Amino acid sequence: MFGYVKIYKPELKVKHYEAYKGIYCSLCKTLKKEYGILASFTLNYDFTMLALTRLAFAKECCGFKDSRCAFNPLKKCQQCVNGNKELSYSAAAAMIMCYHKVNDDIADSSFIKGIFKRIIKPYFALKRKKAVKKYPALDEIISCAMAEQAEVEKRGNAGIDASAHPSAKAMGEILSFGFDGETKEKLNRFGYISGRWVYLMDALDDMEADRKTHSYNVFNNINNEKEAKEKAVGVINLTAAQLAHEFDKMEPARFGEILDNIVIDGTFSSMQSVLNKNKEEKK
């Protein structure tokens, strides 16, 4: 999966960082409890962001209590209380998305390179089935998005907006599911821009590899590699600015400082990490 949507720790207060870690650890425990220990390894920052945002707007206040790490009982951590509904929802989304991502990777890989994904597919198929029983609408959202994305990539000449739309639309619907009124509208728009940003970040991250393998990448429609990267950075920065604009319209009941850190500092830090990684790989 992706894992681009994350905090920028140097600019985050200790108490807010501890709260973020508490949500991260709680989601890990939820994955383990509901889908087994291997499911915990699918946890990343994007799913944590999903849980964090939904908890920020949930009617029930999410507190914390002292706990122990699921993998290292000697390590202390915080655990959410009164947040089981949103954590369970985010865990289900993780299982469904992982299953579809495995399928997508198999379709895009040769038989040899895709062997590992073929081995783990039955596991994720089983976990997806369990998640769908709890949230059938989630699977419909993600399945439709994957089908639309495949159709866009099959055409091979879609623009940036058209290429990013299926993923962005799905994220908006996933994030706002179960809410109503103005909150639902704001979460849907925030999720849409967030999903667009993640899609574009992934395209930037994979640009050079996709160019070598002739795989679809929206930025590789530009033949000159330098120009393609400059275009990508410009579009991603613009999308990050749009995300910040949408966040300014929102009024989270809690965790606002953490979300602000992710939207402002975290997006910039993630892009710099991707750019620096690509530079190191070229050396």
C-alpha atoms as a PDB file:
ATOM      1  CA  MET A   1       0.000   0.000   0.000  1.00  0.00           C
ATOM      2  CA  PHE A   2       1.026   3.623   0.027  1.00  0.00           C
ATOM      3  CA  GLY A   3       1.646   5.152   3.445  1.00  0.00           C
ATOM      4  CA  TYR A   4       2.264   8.715   2.267  1.00  0.00           C
ATOM      5  CA  VAL A   5      -0.241  10.493   4.537  1.00  0.00           C
ATOM      6  CA  LYS A   6       1.652  10.886   7.784  1.00  0.00           C
ATOM      7  CA  ILE A   7       2.625  13.302  10.500  1.00  0.00           C
ATOM      8  CA  TYR A   8       5.743  15.445  10.532  1.00  0.00           C
ATOM      9  CA  LYS A   9       7.026  14.648  14.015  1.00  0.00           C
ATOM     10  CA  PRO A  10       9.459  17.600  14.502  1.00  0.00           C
ATOM     11  CA  GLU A  11       6.557  20.083  14.360  1.00  0.00           C
ATOM     12  CA  LEU A  12       4.164  18.079  16.542  1.00  0.00           C
ATOM     13  CA  LYS A  13       3.739  18.590  20.296  1.00  0.00           C
ATOM     14  CA  VAL A  14       4.526  15.575  22.461  1.00  0.00           C
ATOM     15  CA  LYS A  15       0.930  15.185  23.686  1.00  0.00           C
ATOM     16  CA  HIS A  16      -0.354  15.214  20.113  1.00  0.00           C
ATOM     17  CA  TYR A  17       2.286  12.748  19.007  1.00  0.00           C
ATOM     18  CA  GLU A  18       1.280  10.419  21.836  1.00  0.00           C
ATOM     19  CA  ALA A  19      -2.359  10.663  20.757  1.00  0.00           C
ATOM     20  CA  TYR A  20      -1.402   9.854  17.164  1.00  0.00           C
ATOM     21  CA  LYS A  21       0.634   6.853  18.323  1.00  0.00           C
ATOM     22  CA  GLY A  22      -2.314   5.779  20.445  1.00  0.00           C
ATOM     23  CA  ILE A  23      -4.581   5.667  17.395  1.00  0.00           C
ATOM     24  CA  TYR A  24      -1.901   3.883  15.365  1.00  0.00           C
ATOM     25  CA  CYS A  25      -1.433   1.240  18.088  1.00  0.00           C
ATOM     26  CA  SER A  26      -5.175   0.873  18.608  1.00  0.00           C
ATOM     27  CA  LEU A  27      -5.744   0.247  14.910  1.00  0.00           C
ATOM     28  CA  CYS A  28      -2.953  -2.337  14.973  1.00  0.00           C
ATOM     29  CA  LYS A  29      -4.674  -4.131  17.857  1.00  0.00           C
ATOM     30  CA  THR A  30      -8.034  -3.967  16.082  1.00  0.00           C
ATOM     31  CA  LEU A  31      -6.551  -5.533  12.947  1.00  0.00           C
ATOM     32  CA  LYS A  32      -5.018  -8.312  15.028  1.00  0.00           C
ATOM     33  CA  LYS A  33      -8.205  -8.919  17.018  1.00  0.00           C
ATOM     34  CA  GLU A  34     -10.628  -8.928  14.090  1.00  0.00           C
ATOM     35  CA  TYR A  35      -8.517 -10.373  11.259  1.00  0.00           C
ATOM     36  CA  GLY A  36      -5.527 -12.137  12.801  1.00  0.00           C
ATOM     37  CA  ILE A  37      -1.920 -11.316  13.594  1.00  0.00           C
ATOM     38  CA  LEU A  38      -0.803 -11.182   9.931  1.00  0.00           C
ATOM     39  CA  ALA A  39      -3.361  -8.474   9.252  1.00  0.00           C
ATOM     40  CA  SER A  40      -1.470  -6.182  11.620  1.00  0.00           C
ATOM     41  CA  PHE A  41       1.374  -6.036   9.124  1.00  0.00           C
ATOM     42  CA  THR A  42      -0.897  -4.271   6.612  1.00  0.00           C
ATOM     43  CA  LEU A  43      -1.149  -1.238   8.896  1.00  0.00           C
ATOM     44  CA  ASN A  44       0.227   1.977   7.423  1.00  0.00           C
ATOM     45  CA  TYR A  45      -0.115   5.735   7.849  1.00  0.00           C
ATOM     46  CA  ASP A  46      -2.939   6.063   5.320  1.00  0.00           C
ATOM     47  CA  PHE A  47      -5.228   3.749   7.291  1.00  0.00           C
ATOM     48  CA  THR A  48      -4.231   5.561  10.473  1.00  0.00           C
ATOM     49  CA  MET A  49      -5.233   8.837   8.818  1.00  0.00           C
ATOM     50  CA  LEU A  50      -8.611   7.290   7.946  1.00  0.00           C
ATOM     51  CA  ALA A  51      -9.192   6.269  11.567  1.00  0.00           C
ATOM     52  CA  LEU A  52      -7.876   9.582  12.914  1.00  0.00           C
ATOM     53  CA  THR A  53     -10.133  11.707  10.698  1.00  0.00           C
ATOM     54  CA  ARG A  54     -13.260   9.700  11.404  1.00  0.00           C
ATOM     55  CA  LEU A  55     -12.532   9.750  15.137  1.00  0.00           C
ATOM     56  CA  ALA A  56     -12.021  13.521  14.916  1.00  0.00           C
ATOM     57  CA  PHE A  57     -15.600  13.963  13.684  1.00  0.00           C
ATOM     58  CA  ALA A  58     -17.300  11.125  15.559  1.00  0.00           C
ATOM     59  CA  LYS A  59     -20.030  12.107  18.025  1.00  0.00           C
ATOM     60  CA  GLU A  60     -18.528   9.956  20.750  1.00  0.00           C
ATOM     61  CA  CYS A  61     -15.358  11.344  22.321  1.00  0.00           C
ATOM     62  CA  CYS A  62     -12.303   9.145  21.966  1.00  0.00           C
ATOM     63  CA  GLY A  63     -10.122   8.977  25.080  1.00  0.00           C
ATOM     64  CA  PHE A  64      -7.041   6.919  25.865  1.00  0.00           C
ATOM     65  CA  LYS A  65      -5.849   4.510  28.515  1.00  0.00           C
ATOM     66  CA  ASP A  66      -2.476   2.957  29.286  1.00  0.00           C
ATOM     67  CA  SER A  67      -1.817  -0.285  27.467  1.00  0.00           C
ATOM     68  CA  ARG A  68       0.915  -2.550  26.110  1.00  0.00           C
ATOM     69  CA  CYS A  69       2.156  -3.134  22.585  1.00  0.00           C
ATOM     70  CA  ALA A  70       0.545  -6.145  20.900  1.00  0.00           C
ATOM     71  CA  PHE A  71       3.944  -7.354  19.674  1.00  0.00           C
ATOM     72  CA  ASN A  72       6.139  -6.270  22.566  1.00  0.00           C
ATOM     73  CA  PRO A  73       4.364  -6.503  25.962  1.00  0.00           C
ATOM     74  CA  LEU A  74       7.292  -4.730  27.618  1.00  0.00           C
ATOM     75  CA  LYS A  75       6.624  -1.607  25.570  1.00  0.00           C
ATOM     76  CA  LYS A  76       4.013   0.826  26.877  1.00  0.00           C
ATOM     77  CA  CYS A  77       1.524   2.520  24.577  1.00  0.00           C
ATOM     78  CA  GLN A  78      -1.818   4.295  24.609  1.00  0.00           C
ATOM     79  CA  GLN A  79      -5.064   2.630  23.566  1.00  0.00           C
ATOM     80  CA  CYS A  80      -8.270   4.280  22.393  1.00  0.00           C
ATOM     81  CA  VAL A  81     -11.424   3.954  24.435  1.00  0.00           C
ATOM     82  CA  ASN A  82     -14.851   4.660  22.894  1.00  0.00           C
ATOM     83  CA  GLY A  83     -13.420   4.476  19.393  1.00  0.00           C
ATOM     84  CA  ASN A  84     -14.067   0.844  18.493  1.00  0.00           C
ATOM     85  CA  LYS A  85     -16.608   1.618  15.770  1.00  0.00           C
ATOM     86  CA  GLU A  86     -14.270   3.807  13.728  1.00  0.00           C
ATOM     87  CA  LEU A  87     -11.271   1.555  14.328  1.00  0.00           C
ATOM     88  CA  SER A  88     -13.250  -1.485  13.173  1.00  0.00           C
ATOM     89  CA  TYR A  89     -14.384   0.411  10.072  1.00  0.00           C
ATOM     90  CA  SER A  90     -10.817   1.443   9.233  1.00  0.00           C
ATOM     91  CA  ALA A  91      -9.575  -2.124   9.759  1.00  0.00           C
ATOM     92  CA  ALA A  92     -12.243  -3.433   7.383  1.00  0.00           C
ATOM     93  CA  ALA A  93     -11.241  -0.837   4.787  1.00  0.00           C
ATOM     94  CA  ALA A  94      -7.619  -1.970   5.141  1.00  0.00           C
ATOM     95  CA  MET A  95      -8.502  -5.617   4.487  1.00  0.00           C
ATOM     96  CA  ILE A  96     -10.681  -4.868   1.470  1.00  0.00           C
ATOM     97  CA  MET A  97      -8.178  -2.465  -0.050  1.00  0.00           C
ATOM     98  CA  CYS A  98      -5.293  -4.884   0.515  1.00  0.00           C
ATOM     99  CA  TYR A  99      -7.171  -7.654  -1.273  1.00  0.00           C
ATOM    100  CA  HIS A 100      -7.829  -5.460  -4.302  1.00  0.00           C
ATOM    101  CA  LYS A 101      -4.245  -4.172  -4.259  1.00  0.00           C
ATOM    102  CA  VAL A 102      -2.942  -7.756  -4.328  1.00  0.00           C
ATOM    103  CA  ASN A 103      -5.189  -8.498  -7.309  1.00  0.00           C
ATOM    104  CA  ASP A 104      -3.965  -5.360  -9.049  1.00  0.00           C
ATOM    105  CA  ASP A 105      -0.317  -6.260  -8.431  1.00  0.00           C
ATOM    106  CA  ILE A 106      -0.876  -9.768  -9.811  1.00  0.00           C
ATOM    107  CA  ALA A 107      -2.433  -8.335 -12.965  1.00  0.00           C
ATOM    108  CA  ASP A 108       0.510  -5.957 -13.435  1.00  0.00           C
ATOM    109  CA  SER A 109       3.262  -8.533 -12.774  1.00  0.00           C
ATOM    110  CA  SER A 110       4.757 -11.430 -14.681  1.00  0.00           C
ATOM    111  CA  PHE A 111       4.061 -14.907 -13.323  1.00  0.00           C
ATOM    112  CA  ILE A 112       7.460 -15.149 -11.617  1.00  0.00           C
ATOM    113  CA  LYS A 113       7.349 -11.697 -10.030  1.00  0.00           C
ATOM    114  CA  GLY A 114       3.757 -12.227  -8.945  1.00  0.00           C
ATOM    115  CA  ILE A 115       4.263 -15.583  -7.230  1.00  0.00           C
ATOM    116  CA  PHE A 116       4.333 -14.151  -3.702  1.00  0.00           C
ATOM    117  CA  LYS A 117       1.155 -12.159  -4.320  1.00  0.00           C
ATOM    118  CA  ARG A 118      -0.544 -15.281  -5.669  1.00  0.00           C
ATOM    119  CA  ILE A 119       0.457 -17.148  -2.506  1.00  0.00           C
ATOM    120  CA  ILE A 120      -0.989 -14.540  -0.139  1.00  0.00           C
ATOM    121  CA  LYS A 121      -4.123 -13.847  -2.204  1.00  0.00           C
ATOM    122  CA  PRO A 122      -6.244 -16.601  -0.557  1.00  0.00           C
ATOM    123  CA  TYR A 123      -5.459 -15.145   2.875  1.00  0.00           C
ATOM    124  CA  PHE A 124      -6.623 -11.676   1.892  1.00  0.00           C
ATOM    125  CA  ALA A 125      -9.630 -13.120   0.068  1.00  0.00           C
ATOM    126  CA  LEU A 126     -10.721 -14.727   3.340  1.00  0.00           C
ATOM    127  CA  LYS A 127     -10.182 -11.538   5.348  1.00  0.00           C
ATOM    128  CA  ARG A 128     -11.950  -9.463   2.724  1.00  0.00           C
ATOM    129  CA  LYS A 129     -14.960 -11.779   2.916  1.00  0.00           C
ATOM    130  CA  LYS A 130     -15.113 -11.215   6.661  1.00  0.00           C
ATOM    131  CA  ALA A 131     -14.803  -7.438   6.251  1.00  0.00           C
ATOM    132  CA  VAL A 132     -17.526  -7.347   3.577  1.00  0.00           C
ATOM    133  CA  LYS A 133     -19.988  -8.981   5.957  1.00  0.00           C
ATOM    134  CA  LYS A 134     -19.538  -6.016   8.283  1.00  0.00           C
ATOM    135  CA  TYR A 135     -19.380  -3.269   5.655  1.00  0.00           C
ATOM    136  CA  PRO A 136     -20.709  -4.405   2.251  1.00  0.00           C
ATOM    137  CA  ALA A 137     -20.859  -0.798   1.022  1.00  0.00           C
ATOM    138  CA  LEU A 138     -17.101  -0.465   1.519  1.00  0.00           C
ATOM    139  CA  ASP A 139     -16.392  -3.302  -0.883  1.00  0.00           C
ATOM    140  CA  GLU A 140     -18.748  -1.830  -3.469  1.00  0.00           C
ATOM    141  CA  ILE A 141     -16.991   1.545  -3.270  1.00  0.00           C
ATOM    142  CA  ILE A 142     -13.519   0.043  -3.605  1.00  0.00           C
ATOM    143  CA  SER A 143     -14.460  -2.524  -6.263  1.00  0.00           C
ATOM    144  CA  CYS A 144     -16.040   0.162  -8.462  1.00  0.00           C
ATOM    145  CA  ALA A 145     -13.005   2.406  -8.027  1.00  0.00           C
ATOM    146  CA  MET A 146     -10.588  -0.372  -9.001  1.00  0.00           C
ATOM    147  CA  ALA A 147     -12.654  -1.194 -12.094  1.00  0.00           C
ATOM    148  CA  GLU A 148     -12.808   2.482 -13.110  1.00  0.00           C
ATOM    149  CA  GLN A 149      -9.073   2.882 -12.496  1.00  0.00           C
ATOM    150  CA  ALA A 150      -8.284  -0.149 -14.646  1.00  0.00           C
ATOM    151  CA  GLU A 151     -10.428   1.247 -17.460  1.00  0.00           C
ATOM    152  CA  VAL A 152      -8.676   4.619 -17.289  1.00  0.00           C
ATOM    153  CA  GLU A 153      -5.242   3.013 -17.389  1.00  0.00           C
ATOM    154  CA  LYS A 154      -6.309   0.735 -20.232  1.00  0.00           C
ATOM    155  CA  ARG A 155      -7.011   3.784 -22.390  1.00  0.00           C
ATOM    156  CA  GLY A 156      -3.466   4.937 -21.699  1.00  0.00           C
ATOM    157  CA  ASN A 157      -3.915   8.581 -22.640  1.00  0.00           C
ATOM    158  CA  ALA A 158      -6.080   9.991 -19.868  1.00  0.00           C
ATOM    159  CA  GLY A 159      -5.189  13.333 -18.320  1.00  0.00           C
ATOM    160  CA  ILE A 160      -4.239  13.915 -14.706  1.00  0.00           C
ATOM    161  CA  ASP A 161      -7.767  14.711 -13.502  1.00  0.00           C
ATOM    162  CA  ALA A 162      -9.325  11.677 -15.189  1.00  0.00           C
ATOM    163  CA  SER A 163      -6.551   9.357 -13.974  1.00  0.00           C
ATOM    164  CA  ALA A 164      -6.787  10.479 -10.356  1.00  0.00           C
ATOM    165  CA  HIS A 165     -10.593  10.654 -10.212  1.00  0.00           C
ATOM    166  CA  PRO A 166     -11.461   6.995  -9.379  1.00  0.00           C
ATOM    167  CA  SER A 167      -9.087   6.839  -6.409  1.00  0.00           C
ATOM    168  CA  ALA A 168     -10.063  10.316  -5.239  1.00  0.00           C
ATOM    169  CA  LYS A 169     -13.787   9.574  -5.490  1.00  0.00           C
ATOM    170  CA  ALA A 170     -13.397   6.331  -3.541  1.00  0.00           C
ATOM    171  CA  MET A 171     -11.460   8.024  -0.744  1.00  0.00           C
ATOM    172  CA  GLY A 172     -14.118  10.696  -0.432  1.00  0.00           C
ATOM    173  CA  GLU A 173     -16.863   8.096  -0.138  1.00  0.00           C
ATOM    174  CA  ILE A 174     -14.869   5.920   2.282  1.00  0.00           C
ATOM    175  CA  LEU A 175     -14.006   8.817   4.574  1.00  0.00           C
ATOM    176  CA  SER A 176     -17.521  10.269   4.690  1.00  0.00           C
ATOM    177  CA  PHE A 177     -19.453   6.978   4.904  1.00  0.00           C
ATOM    178  CA  GLY A 178     -21.916   6.943   7.789  1.00  0.00           C
ATOM    179  CA  PHE A 179     -21.867  10.689   8.383  1.00  0.00           C
ATOM    180  CA  ASP A 180     -24.625  13.046   7.265  1.00  0.00           C
ATOM    181  CA  GLY A 181     -25.388  16.631   6.434  1.00  0.00           C
ATOM    182  CA  GLU A 182     -22.665  19.258   6.204  1.00  0.00           C
ATOM    183  CA  THR A 183     -20.121  17.034   7.931  1.00  0.00           C
ATOM    184  CA  LYS A 184     -20.554  14.369   5.268  1.00  0.00           C
ATOM    185  CA  GLU A 185     -20.105  16.920   2.480  1.00  0.00           C
ATOM    186  CA  LYS A 186     -16.952  18.355   4.008  1.00  0.00           C
ATOM    187  CA  LEU A 187     -15.450  14.928   4.712  1.00  0.00           C
ATOM    188  CA  ASN A 188     -16.277  13.776   1.197  1.00  0.00           C
ATOM    189  CA  ARG A 189     -14.510  16.764  -0.342  1.00  0.00           C
ATOM    190  CA  PHE A 190     -11.545  16.466   2.022  1.00  0.00           C
ATOM    191  CA  GLY A 191     -11.309  12.750   1.261  1.00  0.00           C
ATOM    192  CA  TYR A 192     -11.516  13.382  -2.478  1.00  0.00           C
ATOM    193  CA  ILE A 193      -8.563  15.788  -2.447  1.00  0.00           C
ATOM    194  CA  SER A 194      -6.655  13.507  -0.092  1.00  0.00           C
ATOM    195  CA  GLY A 195      -7.216  10.521  -2.401  1.00  0.00           C
ATOM    196  CA  ARG A 196      -6.112  12.580  -5.386  1.00  0.00           C
ATOM    197  CA  TRP A 197      -2.937  13.614  -3.553  1.00  0.00           C
ATOM    198  CA  VAL A 198      -2.109  10.000  -2.625  1.00  0.00           C
ATOM    199  CA  TYR A 199      -2.659   8.829  -6.212  1.00  0.00           C
ATOM    200  CA  LEU A 200      -0.365  11.536  -7.575  1.00  0.00           C
ATOM    201  CA  MET A 201       2.267  10.848  -4.917  1.00  0.00           C
ATOM    202  CA  ASP A 202       2.274   7.168  -5.835  1.00  0.00           C
ATOM    203  CA  ALA A 203       2.646   8.082  -9.505  1.00  0.00           C
ATOM    204  CA  LEU A 204       5.622  10.323  -8.661  1.00  0.00           C
ATOM    205  CA  ASP A 205       7.179   7.591  -6.531  1.00  0.00           C
ATOM    206  CA  ASP A 206       6.796   4.976  -9.287  1.00  0.00           C
ATOM    207  CA  MET A 207       7.573   7.241 -12.224  1.00  0.00           C
ATOM    208  CA  GLU A 208      11.065   5.979 -13.001  1.00  0.00           C
ATOM    209  CA  ALA A 209      10.226   2.309 -12.416  1.00  0.00           C
ATOM    210  CA  ASP A 210       7.098   2.574 -14.577  1.00  0.00           C
ATOM    211  CA  ARG A 211       9.105   4.251 -17.323  1.00  0.00           C
ATOM    212  CA  LYS A 212      11.497   1.314 -17.395  1.00  0.00           C
ATOM    213  CA  THR A 213       8.773  -1.342 -17.417  1.00  0.00           C
ATOM    214  CA  HIS A 214       6.452   0.643 -19.738  1.00  0.00           C
ATOM    215  CA  SER A 215       3.708   0.471 -17.110  1.00  0.00           C
ATOM    216  CA  TYR A 216       0.996   3.096 -16.995  1.00  0.00           C
ATOM    217  CA  ASN A 217       1.907   6.277 -15.159  1.00  0.00           C
ATOM    218  CA  VAL A 218      -0.018   9.494 -15.676  1.00  0.00           C
ATOM    219  CA  PHE A 219       3.161  11.600 -15.615  1.00  0.00           C
ATOM    220  CA  ASN A 220       4.983   9.468 -18.153  1.00  0.00           C
ATOM    221  CA  ASN A 221       2.780  10.876 -20.894  1.00  0.00           C
ATOM    222  CA  ILE A 222       5.485  13.551 -20.912  1.00  0.00           C
ATOM    223  CA  ASN A 223       8.480  12.055 -22.707  1.00  0.00           C
ATOM    224  CA  ASN A 224      11.125  14.235 -21.078  1.00  0.00           C
ATOM    225  CA  GLU A 225      11.806  12.767 -17.623  1.00  0.00           C
ATOM    226  CA  LYS A 226      12.884  16.073 -16.062  1.00  0.00           C
ATOM    227  CA  GLU A 227       9.820  17.884 -17.347  1.00  0.00           C
ATOM    228  CA  ALA A 228       7.594  15.032 -16.169  1.00  0.00           C
ATOM    229  CA  LYS A 229       8.991  15.262 -12.648  1.00  0.00           C
ATOM    230  CA  GLU A 230       8.620  19.052 -12.575  1.00  0.00           C
ATOM    231  CA  LYS A 231       5.014  18.674 -13.721  1.00  0.00           C
ATOM    232  CA  ALA A 232       4.370  16.079 -11.018  1.00  0.00           C
ATOM    233  CA  VAL A 233       5.821  18.221  -8.248  1.00  0.00           C
ATOM    234  CA  GLY A 234       3.801  21.233  -9.384  1.00  0.00           C
ATOM    235  CA  VAL A 235       0.513  19.328  -9.521  1.00  0.00           C
ATOM    236  CA  ILE A 236       1.139  17.637  -6.170  1.00  0.00           C
ATOM    237  CA  ASN A 237       1.948  20.951  -4.488  1.00  0.00           C
ATOM    238  CA  LEU A 238      -1.236  22.462  -5.913  1.00  0.00           C
ATOM    239  CA  THR A 239      -3.259  19.485  -4.645  1.00  0.00           C
ATOM    240  CA  ALA A 240      -1.674  19.820  -1.192  1.00  0.00           C
ATOM    241  CA  ALA A 241      -2.698  23.489  -1.174  1.00  0.00           C
ATOM    242  CA  GLN A 242      -6.263  22.486  -2.093  1.00  0.00           C
ATOM    243  CA  LEU A 243      -6.221  19.942   0.740  1.00  0.00           C
ATOM    244  CA  ALA A 244      -5.173  22.645   3.207  1.00  0.00           C
ATOM    245  CA  HIS A 245      -7.950  24.895   1.883  1.00  0.00           C
ATOM    246  CA  GLU A 246     -10.564  22.171   2.428  1.00  0.00           C
ATOM    247  CA  PHE A 247      -9.246  21.475   5.905  1.00  0.00           C
ATOM    248  CA  ASP A 248      -9.641  25.149   6.832  1.00  0.00           C
ATOM    249  CA  LYS A 249     -13.382  24.764   6.227  1.00  0.00           C
ATOM    250  CA  MET A 250     -13.652  21.841   8.646  1.00  0.00           C
ATOM    251  CA  GLU A 251     -14.247  21.955  12.390  1.00  0.00           C
ATOM    252  CA  PRO A 252     -13.029  18.684  13.915  1.00  0.00           C
ATOM    253  CA  ALA A 253     -14.242  18.009  17.440  1.00  0.00           C
ATOM    254  CA  ARG A 254     -10.799  16.691  18.385  1.00  0.00           C
ATOM    255  CA  PHE A 255      -7.321  15.949  16.958  1.00  0.00           C
ATOM    256  CA  GLY A 256      -7.373  19.162  14.914  1.00  0.00           C
ATOM    257  CA  GLU A 257      -3.718  19.911  15.674  1.00  0.00           C
ATOM    258  CA  ILE A 258      -2.656  16.486  14.421  1.00  0.00           C
ATOM    259  CA  LEU A 259      -4.663  16.785  11.217  1.00  0.00           C
ATOM    260  CA  ASP A 260      -3.253  20.255  10.632  1.00  0.00           C
ATOM    261  CA  ASN A 261       0.268  18.871  11.015  1.00  0.00           C
ATOM    262  CA  ILE A 262      -0.417  16.115   8.486  1.00  0.00           C
ATOM    263  CA  VAL A 263      -2.069  18.423   5.953  1.00  0.00           C
ATOM    264  CA  ILE A 264       0.525  21.206   6.134  1.00  0.00           C
ATOM    265  CA  ASP A 265       3.867  19.725   7.172  1.00  0.00           C
ATOM    266  CA  GLY A 266       3.299  16.023   6.533  1.00  0.00           C
ATOM    267  CA  THR A 267       2.402  16.344   2.856  1.00  0.00           C
ATOM    268  CA  PHE A 268       5.490  18.451   2.129  1.00  0.00           C
ATOM    269  CA  SER A 269       7.746  16.097   4.118  1.00  0.00           C
ATOM    270  CA  SER A 270       6.398  13.019   2.296  1.00  0.00           C
ATOM    271  CA  MET A 271       7.030  14.536  -1.114  1.00  0.00           C
ATOM    272  CA  GLN A 272      10.584  15.488  -0.153  1.00  0.00           C
ATOM    273  CA  SER A 273      11.176  11.929   1.061  1.00  0.00           C
ATOM    274  CA  VAL A 274      10.037  10.524  -2.281  1.00  0.00           C
ATOM    275  CA  LEU A 275      12.206  12.963  -4.237  1.00  0.00           C
ATOM    276  CA  ASN A 276      15.246  12.256  -2.053  1.00  0.00           C
ATOM    277  CA  LYS A 277      14.712   8.501  -2.375  1.00  0.00           C
ATOM    278  CA  ASN A 278      14.642   8.756  -6.140  1.00  0.00           C
ATOM    279  CA  LYS A 279      17.869  10.771  -6.097  1.00  0.00           C
ATOM    280  CA  GLU A 280      19.578   8.120  -3.948  1.00  0.00           C
ATOM    281  CA  GLU A 281      18.417   5.336  -6.252  1.00  0.00           C
ATOM    282  CA  LYS A 282      19.995   7.119  -9.219  1.00  0.00           C
ATOM    283  CA  LYS A 283      23.409   7.316  -7.555  1.00  0.00           C
END
